[in-house]
C-alpha cells in the first residue's frame, strides 16, 4: 500500500467525520437549547455558557399548568405501531407473490404500487376529510391507522419484494414437500430468513407514521391528537417558546431514535441485503 492510497483513505475518513459533525450539530444545538431558560434561548448571538435548567421539560410535561403530552404520545404510538403491524401483515404475502411466486407482469404491479406515492398528499386531503366527516371518523385514531397503512404499504411491498427475492427457493420447496402450507411457509421459513429486511421495512414505516403531520393536523382534534400536532401547539400568538419547543422535539424524537438504535444491526443488514452476490 503506497503513501498516496493511505493519504486518500485518511482524507476520505476526515471528510466523513466532518460531514457527520455537520449533520450532528443541529441536534446538539437543540439538546443544549432545551436545557436553557427561555430568556437565554432567545438571545442573539446564543449564549453557550448560560445556566442549565429543566424548565423546558417541566413545561412540556405540564408542570406549569399546560396540557399533558401523554395522550398525544400514546396516540402516536398506537397509530405508528398499529399501522406498521398492518403493513407487515399485508406486505409480506404481496411481496412473496411478486418475488418468489411472481404473478404475470409483476414489474408493472410494482410500478403501479409506486405510482400511488406520486399523488401529492394535499390533493387527497379534502376527499379524505369529507369522507371522515360523513362517516363520523374525524378525531379518531383508527382513521390515522388506516391512512398510515395505506400510505406506507406501497413502499413496504417494494422494499420487501427486493428482500424476499434473495430467499432461496429450494428452502421453500423443501418446506412445501414436507407439507407446509402458505401461512406456515411465510411465518416459519420466509420471515426468519428475511428478518433483517422486514425489520428495516418496519422501522422505515414506523418513522414515516410517527413523523406524519398534515393528515394528523387536519383530521384530528383533541382525542386523537398525535405528538407532532401537539408540538405545533407551542407556536403561539405570544411568540415561539424556543426552549420548550427544543425540549418537546427531543422527547418526541426519542422513540424513533430508540427504535433505530435497537434495530440498527437489522437495518444495516436489511438495506445491504443482496448488495453483494
C-alpha atoms as a PDB file:
ATOM      1  CA  UNK A   1       0.000   0.000   0.000  1.00  0.00           C
ATOM      2  CA  UNK A   2       1.636   3.232  -1.126  1.00  0.00           C
ATOM      3  CA  UNK A   3       1.575   6.631   0.537  1.00  0.00           C
ATOM      4  CA  UNK A   4      -0.974   8.085  -1.910  1.00  0.00           C
ATOM      5  CA  UNK A   5      -3.506   5.337  -1.090  1.00  0.00           C
ATOM      6  CA  UNK A   6      -3.055   5.862   2.658  1.00  0.00           C
ATOM      7  CA  UNK A   7      -3.419   9.619   2.263  1.00  0.00           C
ATOM      8  CA  UNK A   8      -6.543   9.181   0.155  1.00  0.00           C
ATOM      9  CA  UNK A   9      -8.090   6.862   2.752  1.00  0.00           C
ATOM     10  CA  UNK A  10      -7.363   9.277   5.594  1.00  0.00           C
ATOM     11  CA  UNK A  11      -8.733  12.165   3.537  1.00  0.00           C
ATOM     12  CA  UNK A  12     -11.999  10.327   2.899  1.00  0.00           C
ATOM     13  CA  UNK A  13     -12.198   9.436   6.585  1.00  0.00           C
ATOM     14  CA  UNK A  14     -11.702  13.081   7.534  1.00  0.00           C
ATOM     15  CA  UNK A  15     -14.433  14.180   5.109  1.00  0.00           C
ATOM     16  CA  UNK A  16     -16.786  11.566   6.584  1.00  0.00           C
ATOM     17  CA  UNK A  17     -16.105  12.826  10.102  1.00  0.00           C
ATOM     18  CA  UNK A  18     -16.668  16.442   9.048  1.00  0.00           C
ATOM     19  CA  UNK A  19     -19.976  15.560   7.375  1.00  0.00           C
ATOM     20  CA  UNK A  20     -21.024  13.628  10.469  1.00  0.00           C
ATOM     21  CA  UNK A  21     -20.248  16.605  12.686  1.00  0.00           C
ATOM     22  CA  UNK A  22     -22.153  18.964  10.378  1.00  0.00           C
ATOM     23  CA  UNK A  23     -25.236  16.737  10.498  1.00  0.00           C
ATOM     24  CA  UNK A  24     -24.914  16.281  14.269  1.00  0.00           C
ATOM     25  CA  UNK A  25     -24.510  19.977  15.133  1.00  0.00           C
ATOM     26  CA  UNK A  26     -28.234  20.918  14.796  1.00  0.00           C
ATOM     27  CA  UNK A  27     -29.173  18.032  17.090  1.00  0.00           C
ATOM     28  CA  UNK A  28     -26.524  19.015  19.623  1.00  0.00           C
ATOM     29  CA  UNK A  29     -27.712  22.620  19.454  1.00  0.00           C
ATOM     30  CA  UNK A  30     -31.327  21.518  20.016  1.00  0.00           C
ATOM     31  CA  UNK A  31     -30.314  19.439  23.056  1.00  0.00           C
ATOM     32  CA  UNK A  32     -28.310  22.326  24.546  1.00  0.00           C
ATOM     33  CA  UNK A  33     -31.093  24.851  23.934  1.00  0.00           C
ATOM     34  CA  UNK A  34     -33.643  22.570  25.595  1.00  0.00           C
ATOM     35  CA  UNK A  35     -31.717  22.952  28.873  1.00  0.00           C
ATOM     36  CA  UNK A  36     -31.719  26.766  28.746  1.00  0.00           C
ATOM     37  CA  UNK A  37     -34.298  29.176  30.058  1.00  0.00           C
ATOM     38  CA  UNK A  38     -36.495  30.955  27.528  1.00  0.00           C
ATOM     39  CA  UNK A  39     -34.575  34.204  28.077  1.00  0.00           C
ATOM     40  CA  UNK A  40     -31.183  32.598  27.404  1.00  0.00           C
ATOM     41  CA  UNK A  41     -32.542  30.541  24.493  1.00  0.00           C
ATOM     42  CA  UNK A  42     -33.787  33.706  22.766  1.00  0.00           C
ATOM     43  CA  UNK A  43     -30.505  35.638  22.983  1.00  0.00           C
ATOM     44  CA  UNK A  44     -28.711  36.567  19.772  1.00  0.00           C
ATOM     45  CA  UNK A  45     -25.911  35.587  19.484  1.00  0.00           C
ATOM     46  CA  UNK A  46     -26.686  32.467  21.555  1.00  0.00           C
ATOM     47  CA  UNK A  47     -25.086  32.050  24.948  1.00  0.00           C
ATOM     48  CA  UNK A  48     -23.172  28.786  25.247  1.00  0.00           C
ATOM     49  CA  UNK A  49     -22.288  29.330  28.906  1.00  0.00           C
ATOM     50  CA  UNK A  50     -25.832  30.088  30.070  1.00  0.00           C
ATOM     51  CA  UNK A  51     -27.129  28.342  33.176  1.00  0.00           C
ATOM     52  CA  UNK A  52     -28.800  24.995  32.567  1.00  0.00           C
ATOM     53  CA  UNK A  53     -32.341  24.278  33.709  1.00  0.00           C
ATOM     54  CA  UNK A  54     -35.082  21.686  33.289  1.00  0.00           C
ATOM     55  CA  UNK A  55     -37.843  24.286  32.974  1.00  0.00           C
ATOM     56  CA  UNK A  56     -38.432  23.448  29.305  1.00  0.00           C
ATOM     57  CA  UNK A  57     -39.058  19.799  30.123  1.00  0.00           C
ATOM     58  CA  UNK A  58     -41.231  20.662  33.103  1.00  0.00           C
ATOM     59  CA  UNK A  59     -43.355  22.924  30.895  1.00  0.00           C
ATOM     60  CA  UNK A  60     -43.571  20.256  28.221  1.00  0.00           C
ATOM     61  CA  UNK A  61     -44.863  17.663  30.680  1.00  0.00           C
ATOM     62  CA  UNK A  62     -47.456  20.088  32.024  1.00  0.00           C
ATOM     63  CA  UNK A  63     -45.815  21.093  35.303  1.00  0.00           C
ATOM     64  CA  UNK A  64     -46.661  24.729  34.616  1.00  0.00           C
ATOM     65  CA  UNK A  65     -50.362  24.040  34.185  1.00  0.00           C
ATOM     66  CA  UNK A  66     -50.239  23.250  30.471  1.00  0.00           C
ATOM     67  CA  UNK A  67     -51.706  20.263  28.681  1.00  0.00           C
ATOM     68  CA  UNK A  68     -50.156  16.855  29.294  1.00  0.00           C
ATOM     69  CA  UNK A  69     -48.300  15.358  26.302  1.00  0.00           C
ATOM     70  CA  UNK A  70     -49.005  11.749  27.272  1.00  0.00           C
ATOM     71  CA  UNK A  71     -52.297  11.352  25.348  1.00  0.00           C
ATOM     72  CA  UNK A  72     -50.634  12.683  22.185  1.00  0.00           C
ATOM     73  CA  UNK A  73     -47.592  10.435  22.655  1.00  0.00           C
ATOM     74  CA  UNK A  74     -49.816   7.398  23.214  1.00  0.00           C
ATOM     75  CA  UNK A  75     -51.863   8.265  20.121  1.00  0.00           C
ATOM     76  CA  UNK A  76     -48.701   8.493  18.023  1.00  0.00           C
ATOM     77  CA  UNK A  77     -47.517   5.173  19.411  1.00  0.00           C
ATOM     78  CA  UNK A  78     -50.843   3.473  18.649  1.00  0.00           C
ATOM     79  CA  UNK A  79     -51.043   4.924  15.128  1.00  0.00           C
ATOM     80  CA  UNK A  80     -47.406   4.140  14.279  1.00  0.00           C
ATOM     81  CA  UNK A  81     -47.217   0.639  15.755  1.00  0.00           C
ATOM     82  CA  UNK A  82     -50.706  -0.323  14.579  1.00  0.00           C
ATOM     83  CA  UNK A  83     -50.167   0.833  11.010  1.00  0.00           C
ATOM     84  CA  UNK A  84     -46.704  -0.770  10.869  1.00  0.00           C
ATOM     85  CA  UNK A  85     -48.137  -4.098  12.036  1.00  0.00           C
ATOM     86  CA  UNK A  86     -50.901  -3.989   9.420  1.00  0.00           C
ATOM     87  CA  UNK A  87     -48.401  -3.014   6.725  1.00  0.00           C
ATOM     88  CA  UNK A  88     -46.201  -6.021   7.507  1.00  0.00           C
ATOM     89  CA  UNK A  89     -49.180  -8.392   7.558  1.00  0.00           C
ATOM     90  CA  UNK A  90     -50.323  -7.165   4.133  1.00  0.00           C
ATOM     91  CA  UNK A  91     -46.926  -6.568   2.523  1.00  0.00           C
ATOM     92  CA  UNK A  92     -45.354  -9.957   3.301  1.00  0.00           C
ATOM     93  CA  UNK A  93     -47.746 -12.100   1.193  1.00  0.00           C
ATOM     94  CA  UNK A  94     -47.839  -9.437  -1.532  1.00  0.00           C
ATOM     95  CA  UNK A  95     -44.040  -9.333  -1.722  1.00  0.00           C
ATOM     96  CA  UNK A  96     -43.968 -13.148  -1.693  1.00  0.00           C
ATOM     97  CA  UNK A  97     -46.280 -13.228  -4.707  1.00  0.00           C
ATOM     98  CA  UNK A  98     -44.137 -10.693  -6.554  1.00  0.00           C
ATOM     99  CA  UNK A  99     -40.721 -12.097  -5.653  1.00  0.00           C
ATOM    100  CA  UNK A 100     -40.864 -15.848  -5.078  1.00  0.00           C
ATOM    101  CA  UNK A 101     -44.036 -16.824  -6.926  1.00  0.00           C
ATOM    102  CA  UNK A 102     -44.179 -13.935  -9.401  1.00  0.00           C
ATOM    103  CA  UNK A 103     -47.527 -13.087 -10.952  1.00  0.00           C
ATOM    104  CA  UNK A 104     -47.836 -12.060 -14.587  1.00  0.00           C
ATOM    105  CA  UNK A 105     -46.342  -8.649 -15.330  1.00  0.00           C
ATOM    106  CA  UNK A 106     -45.081  -8.351 -11.767  1.00  0.00           C
ATOM    107  CA  UNK A 107     -42.873  -5.394 -12.693  1.00  0.00           C
ATOM    108  CA  UNK A 108     -45.974  -3.479 -13.812  1.00  0.00           C
ATOM    109  CA  UNK A 109     -47.582  -4.285 -10.461  1.00  0.00           C
ATOM    110  CA  UNK A 110     -44.583  -2.894  -8.604  1.00  0.00           C
ATOM    111  CA  UNK A 111     -44.597   0.305 -10.640  1.00  0.00           C
ATOM    112  CA  UNK A 112     -48.333   0.658 -10.016  1.00  0.00           C
ATOM    113  CA  UNK A 113     -47.710   0.411  -6.265  1.00  0.00           C
ATOM    114  CA  UNK A 114     -45.001   3.052  -6.517  1.00  0.00           C
ATOM    115  CA  UNK A 115     -47.149   5.324  -8.698  1.00  0.00           C
ATOM    116  CA  UNK A 116     -49.657   5.666  -5.845  1.00  0.00           C
ATOM    117  CA  UNK A 117     -46.985   7.642  -3.961  1.00  0.00           C
ATOM    118  CA  UNK A 118     -46.776  10.221  -6.758  1.00  0.00           C
ATOM    119  CA  UNK A 119     -50.091  11.858  -5.848  1.00  0.00           C
ATOM    120  CA  UNK A 120     -49.457  14.908  -3.641  1.00  0.00           C
ATOM    121  CA  UNK A 121     -50.887  14.393  -0.163  1.00  0.00           C
ATOM    122  CA  UNK A 122     -52.653  17.753  -0.340  1.00  0.00           C
ATOM    123  CA  UNK A 123     -54.604  16.580  -3.403  1.00  0.00           C
ATOM    124  CA  UNK A 124     -56.223  13.784  -1.412  1.00  0.00           C
ATOM    125  CA  UNK A 125     -56.744  15.743   1.776  1.00  0.00           C
ATOM    126  CA  UNK A 126     -60.177  17.223   1.008  1.00  0.00           C
ATOM    127  CA  UNK A 127     -61.828  13.955  -0.170  1.00  0.00           C
ATOM    128  CA  UNK A 128     -60.483  12.108   2.855  1.00  0.00           C
ATOM    129  CA  UNK A 129     -61.654  14.883   5.169  1.00  0.00           C
ATOM    130  CA  UNK A 130     -65.175  14.798   3.685  1.00  0.00           C
ATOM    131  CA  UNK A 131     -65.247  11.004   3.934  1.00  0.00           C
ATOM    132  CA  UNK A 132     -64.149  11.128   7.566  1.00  0.00           C
ATOM    133  CA  UNK A 133     -66.701  13.824   8.353  1.00  0.00           C
ATOM    134  CA  UNK A 134     -69.609  11.935   6.747  1.00  0.00           C
ATOM    135  CA  UNK A 135     -68.678   8.670   8.481  1.00  0.00           C
ATOM    136  CA  UNK A 136     -68.027  10.265  11.915  1.00  0.00           C
ATOM    137  CA  UNK A 137     -64.365   9.287  11.755  1.00  0.00           C
ATOM    138  CA  UNK A 138     -62.957  12.737  12.481  1.00  0.00           C
ATOM    139  CA  UNK A 139     -60.727  12.855  15.553  1.00  0.00           C
ATOM    140  CA  UNK A 140     -60.474   9.061  15.563  1.00  0.00           C
ATOM    141  CA  UNK A 141     -57.098   7.393  15.963  1.00  0.00           C
ATOM    142  CA  UNK A 142     -58.164   4.386  13.852  1.00  0.00           C
ATOM    143  CA  UNK A 143     -58.623   6.655  10.860  1.00  0.00           C
ATOM    144  CA  UNK A 144     -54.927   7.536  11.113  1.00  0.00           C
ATOM    145  CA  UNK A 145     -54.043   3.843  11.441  1.00  0.00           C
ATOM    146  CA  UNK A 146     -55.893   3.102   8.189  1.00  0.00           C
ATOM    147  CA  UNK A 147     -54.380   6.109   6.404  1.00  0.00           C
ATOM    148  CA  UNK A 148     -50.823   5.375   7.516  1.00  0.00           C
ATOM    149  CA  UNK A 149     -51.240   1.741   6.497  1.00  0.00           C
ATOM    150  CA  UNK A 150     -52.368   2.705   3.001  1.00  0.00           C
ATOM    151  CA  UNK A 151     -49.626   5.334   2.693  1.00  0.00           C
ATOM    152  CA  UNK A 152     -46.776   3.024   3.725  1.00  0.00           C
ATOM    153  CA  UNK A 153     -47.978  -0.183   2.070  1.00  0.00           C
ATOM    154  CA  UNK A 154     -46.600   0.586  -1.454  1.00  0.00           C
ATOM    155  CA  UNK A 155     -43.123   1.380  -0.120  1.00  0.00           C
ATOM    156  CA  UNK A 156     -43.205  -1.705   2.110  1.00  0.00           C
ATOM    157  CA  UNK A 157     -44.174  -4.013  -0.768  1.00  0.00           C
ATOM    158  CA  UNK A 158     -41.466  -2.500  -2.970  1.00  0.00           C
ATOM    159  CA  UNK A 159     -38.791  -2.925  -0.297  1.00  0.00           C
ATOM    160  CA  UNK A 160     -39.809  -6.393   0.844  1.00  0.00           C
ATOM    161  CA  UNK A 161     -40.013  -7.664  -2.726  1.00  0.00           C
ATOM    162  CA  UNK A 162     -36.302  -6.980  -3.148  1.00  0.00           C
ATOM    163  CA  UNK A 163     -35.544  -8.619   0.212  1.00  0.00           C
ATOM    164  CA  UNK A 164     -37.647 -11.725  -0.440  1.00  0.00           C
ATOM    165  CA  UNK A 165     -36.070 -12.149  -3.873  1.00  0.00           C
ATOM    166  CA  UNK A 166     -32.900 -13.201  -2.009  1.00  0.00           C
ATOM    167  CA  UNK A 167     -34.653 -16.065  -0.178  1.00  0.00           C
ATOM    168  CA  UNK A 168     -33.516 -19.444  -1.639  1.00  0.00           C
ATOM    169  CA  UNK A 169     -36.401 -21.050  -3.495  1.00  0.00           C
ATOM    170  CA  UNK A 170     -35.053 -24.506  -2.644  1.00  0.00           C
ATOM    171  CA  UNK A 171     -35.742 -23.932   1.056  1.00  0.00           C
ATOM    172  CA  UNK A 172     -39.347 -23.002   0.327  1.00  0.00           C
ATOM    173  CA  UNK A 173     -39.826 -26.004  -1.962  1.00  0.00           C
ATOM    174  CA  UNK A 174     -38.406 -28.312   0.704  1.00  0.00           C
ATOM    175  CA  UNK A 175     -40.911 -26.959   3.237  1.00  0.00           C
ATOM    176  CA  UNK A 176     -43.750 -27.441   0.772  1.00  0.00           C
ATOM    177  CA  UNK A 177     -42.679 -31.021   0.108  1.00  0.00           C
ATOM    178  CA  UNK A 178     -42.876 -31.622   3.871  1.00  0.00           C
ATOM    179  CA  UNK A 179     -46.486 -30.465   3.763  1.00  0.00           C
ATOM    180  CA  UNK A 180     -46.147 -26.821   4.856  1.00  0.00           C
ATOM    181  CA  UNK A 181     -48.929 -24.569   3.599  1.00  0.00           C
ATOM    182  CA  UNK A 182     -48.547 -20.924   2.594  1.00  0.00           C
ATOM    183  CA  UNK A 183     -49.120 -19.391   6.097  1.00  0.00           C
ATOM    184  CA  UNK A 184     -46.534 -21.772   7.556  1.00  0.00           C
ATOM    185  CA  UNK A 185     -44.075 -21.056   4.744  1.00  0.00           C
ATOM    186  CA  UNK A 186     -44.450 -17.304   5.276  1.00  0.00           C
ATOM    187  CA  UNK A 187     -44.148 -17.320   9.078  1.00  0.00           C
ATOM    188  CA  UNK A 188     -41.648 -20.119   9.674  1.00  0.00           C
ATOM    189  CA  UNK A 189     -39.495 -20.165   6.551  1.00  0.00           C
ATOM    190  CA  UNK A 190     -39.591 -16.848   4.670  1.00  0.00           C
ATOM    191  CA  UNK A 191     -39.927 -14.456   7.628  1.00  0.00           C
ATOM    192  CA  UNK A 192     -36.897 -15.755   9.625  1.00  0.00           C
ATOM    193  CA  UNK A 193     -34.641 -15.675   6.544  1.00  0.00           C
ATOM    194  CA  UNK A 194     -35.784 -12.181   5.504  1.00  0.00           C
ATOM    195  CA  UNK A 195     -35.914 -10.839   9.078  1.00  0.00           C
ATOM    196  CA  UNK A 196     -33.308  -8.079   8.512  1.00  0.00           C
ATOM    197  CA  UNK A 197     -35.262  -6.780   5.516  1.00  0.00           C
ATOM    198  CA  UNK A 198     -38.553  -6.987   7.398  1.00  0.00           C
ATOM    199  CA  UNK A 199     -37.013  -5.096  10.325  1.00  0.00           C
ATOM    200  CA  UNK A 200     -35.692  -2.377   8.006  1.00  0.00           C
ATOM    201  CA  UNK A 201     -39.109  -2.048   6.359  1.00  0.00           C
ATOM    202  CA  UNK A 202     -40.875  -1.907   9.719  1.00  0.00           C
ATOM    203  CA  UNK A 203     -38.519   0.773  11.023  1.00  0.00           C
ATOM    204  CA  UNK A 204     -38.979   2.987   7.968  1.00  0.00           C
ATOM    205  CA  UNK A 205     -42.780   2.615   8.112  1.00  0.00           C
ATOM    206  CA  UNK A 206     -42.717   3.432  11.828  1.00  0.00           C
ATOM    207  CA  UNK A 207     -40.653   6.579  11.231  1.00  0.00           C
ATOM    208  CA  UNK A 208     -42.917   7.748   8.394  1.00  0.00           C
ATOM    209  CA  UNK A 209     -46.019   7.226  10.546  1.00  0.00           C
ATOM    210  CA  UNK A 210     -44.542   8.852  13.643  1.00  0.00           C
ATOM    211  CA  UNK A 211     -43.423  11.965  11.745  1.00  0.00           C
ATOM    212  CA  UNK A 212     -46.599  12.468   9.677  1.00  0.00           C
ATOM    213  CA  UNK A 213     -48.188  15.850  10.403  1.00  0.00           C
ATOM    214  CA  UNK A 214     -50.535  17.029   7.646  1.00  0.00           C
ATOM    215  CA  UNK A 215     -53.270  14.385   7.943  1.00  0.00           C
ATOM    216  CA  UNK A 216     -52.992  14.341  11.721  1.00  0.00           C
ATOM    217  CA  UNK A 217     -53.278  18.139  11.874  1.00  0.00           C
ATOM    218  CA  UNK A 218     -56.414  18.271   9.693  1.00  0.00           C
ATOM    219  CA  UNK A 219     -58.214  15.081  10.730  1.00  0.00           C
ATOM    220  CA  UNK A 220     -57.683  15.116  14.488  1.00  0.00           C
ATOM    221  CA  UNK A 221     -58.662  17.496  17.246  1.00  0.00           C
ATOM    222  CA  UNK A 222     -58.240  16.668  20.921  1.00  0.00           C
ATOM    223  CA  UNK A 223     -59.000  12.961  21.320  1.00  0.00           C
ATOM    224  CA  UNK A 224     -56.748  11.617  18.529  1.00  0.00           C
ATOM    225  CA  UNK A 225     -54.118  14.364  18.543  1.00  0.00           C
ATOM    226  CA  UNK A 226     -50.646  12.998  17.795  1.00  0.00           C
ATOM    227  CA  UNK A 227     -47.263  14.107  19.091  1.00  0.00           C
ATOM    228  CA  UNK A 228     -46.269  16.237  16.036  1.00  0.00           C
ATOM    229  CA  UNK A 229     -49.619  18.054  16.254  1.00  0.00           C
ATOM    230  CA  UNK A 230     -49.078  18.600  19.972  1.00  0.00           C
ATOM    231  CA  UNK A 231     -45.648  20.043  19.188  1.00  0.00           C
ATOM    232  CA  UNK A 232     -47.110  22.683  16.853  1.00  0.00           C
ATOM    233  CA  UNK A 233     -49.158  23.971  19.787  1.00  0.00           C
ATOM    234  CA  UNK A 234     -46.043  25.598  21.228  1.00  0.00           C
ATOM    235  CA  UNK A 235     -46.007  28.107  18.360  1.00  0.00           C
ATOM    236  CA  UNK A 236     -48.487  30.660  19.694  1.00  0.00           C
ATOM    237  CA  UNK A 237     -49.524  34.235  19.059  1.00  0.00           C
ATOM    238  CA  UNK A 238     -47.327  35.240  22.002  1.00  0.00           C
ATOM    239  CA  UNK A 239     -44.256  34.031  20.146  1.00  0.00           C
ATOM    240  CA  UNK A 240     -42.071  30.959  19.777  1.00  0.00           C
ATOM    241  CA  UNK A 241     -41.019  29.387  23.064  1.00  0.00           C
ATOM    242  CA  UNK A 242     -37.704  28.073  21.803  1.00  0.00           C
ATOM    243  CA  UNK A 243     -36.508  26.178  24.880  1.00  0.00           C
ATOM    244  CA  UNK A 244     -39.843  24.417  25.303  1.00  0.00           C
ATOM    245  CA  UNK A 245     -40.008  23.566  21.584  1.00  0.00           C
ATOM    246  CA  UNK A 246     -36.492  22.085  21.688  1.00  0.00           C
ATOM    247  CA  UNK A 247     -37.352  20.058  24.793  1.00  0.00           C
ATOM    248  CA  UNK A 248     -40.556  18.803  23.168  1.00  0.00           C
ATOM    249  CA  UNK A 249     -38.746  17.993  19.912  1.00  0.00           C
ATOM    250  CA  UNK A 250     -36.133  15.968  21.764  1.00  0.00           C
ATOM    251  CA  UNK A 251     -38.710  13.987  23.755  1.00  0.00           C
ATOM    252  CA  UNK A 252     -40.839  13.314  20.671  1.00  0.00           C
ATOM    253  CA  UNK A 253     -37.751  12.204  18.730  1.00  0.00           C
ATOM    254  CA  UNK A 254     -36.666   9.710  21.386  1.00  0.00           C
ATOM    255  CA  UNK A 255     -38.956   6.807  20.311  1.00  0.00           C
ATOM    256  CA  UNK A 256     -37.650   6.993  16.742  1.00  0.00           C
ATOM    257  CA  UNK A 257     -34.054   7.242  17.942  1.00  0.00           C
ATOM    258  CA  UNK A 258     -34.565   4.336  20.346  1.00  0.00           C
ATOM    259  CA  UNK A 259     -36.147   2.177  17.635  1.00  0.00           C
ATOM    260  CA  UNK A 260     -33.345   2.996  15.211  1.00  0.00           C
ATOM    261  CA  UNK A 261     -30.679   2.222  17.817  1.00  0.00           C
ATOM    262  CA  UNK A 262     -32.324  -1.066  18.811  1.00  0.00           C
ATOM    263  CA  UNK A 263     -32.690  -2.218  15.215  1.00  0.00           C
ATOM    264  CA  UNK A 264     -29.514  -0.717  13.764  1.00  0.00           C
ATOM    265  CA  UNK A 265     -27.873  -4.089  13.044  1.00  0.00           C
ATOM    266  CA  UNK A 266     -31.015  -5.397  11.337  1.00  0.00           C
ATOM    267  CA  UNK A 267     -31.371  -2.089   9.461  1.00  0.00           C
ATOM    268  CA  UNK A 268     -27.843  -2.290   8.056  1.00  0.00           C
ATOM    269  CA  UNK A 269     -28.290  -5.951   7.111  1.00  0.00           C
ATOM    270  CA  UNK A 270     -31.664  -5.273   5.527  1.00  0.00           C
ATOM    271  CA  UNK A 271     -30.602  -2.273   3.490  1.00  0.00           C
ATOM    272  CA  UNK A 272     -27.482  -4.105   2.277  1.00  0.00           C
ATOM    273  CA  UNK A 273     -29.287  -7.392   1.567  1.00  0.00           C
ATOM    274  CA  UNK A 274     -28.455  -8.522  -1.936  1.00  0.00           C
ATOM    275  CA  UNK A 275     -25.788  -5.868  -2.424  1.00  0.00           C
ATOM    276  CA  UNK A 276     -23.029  -8.499  -2.561  1.00  0.00           C
ATOM    277  CA  UNK A 277     -23.555 -11.659  -4.516  1.00  0.00           C
END
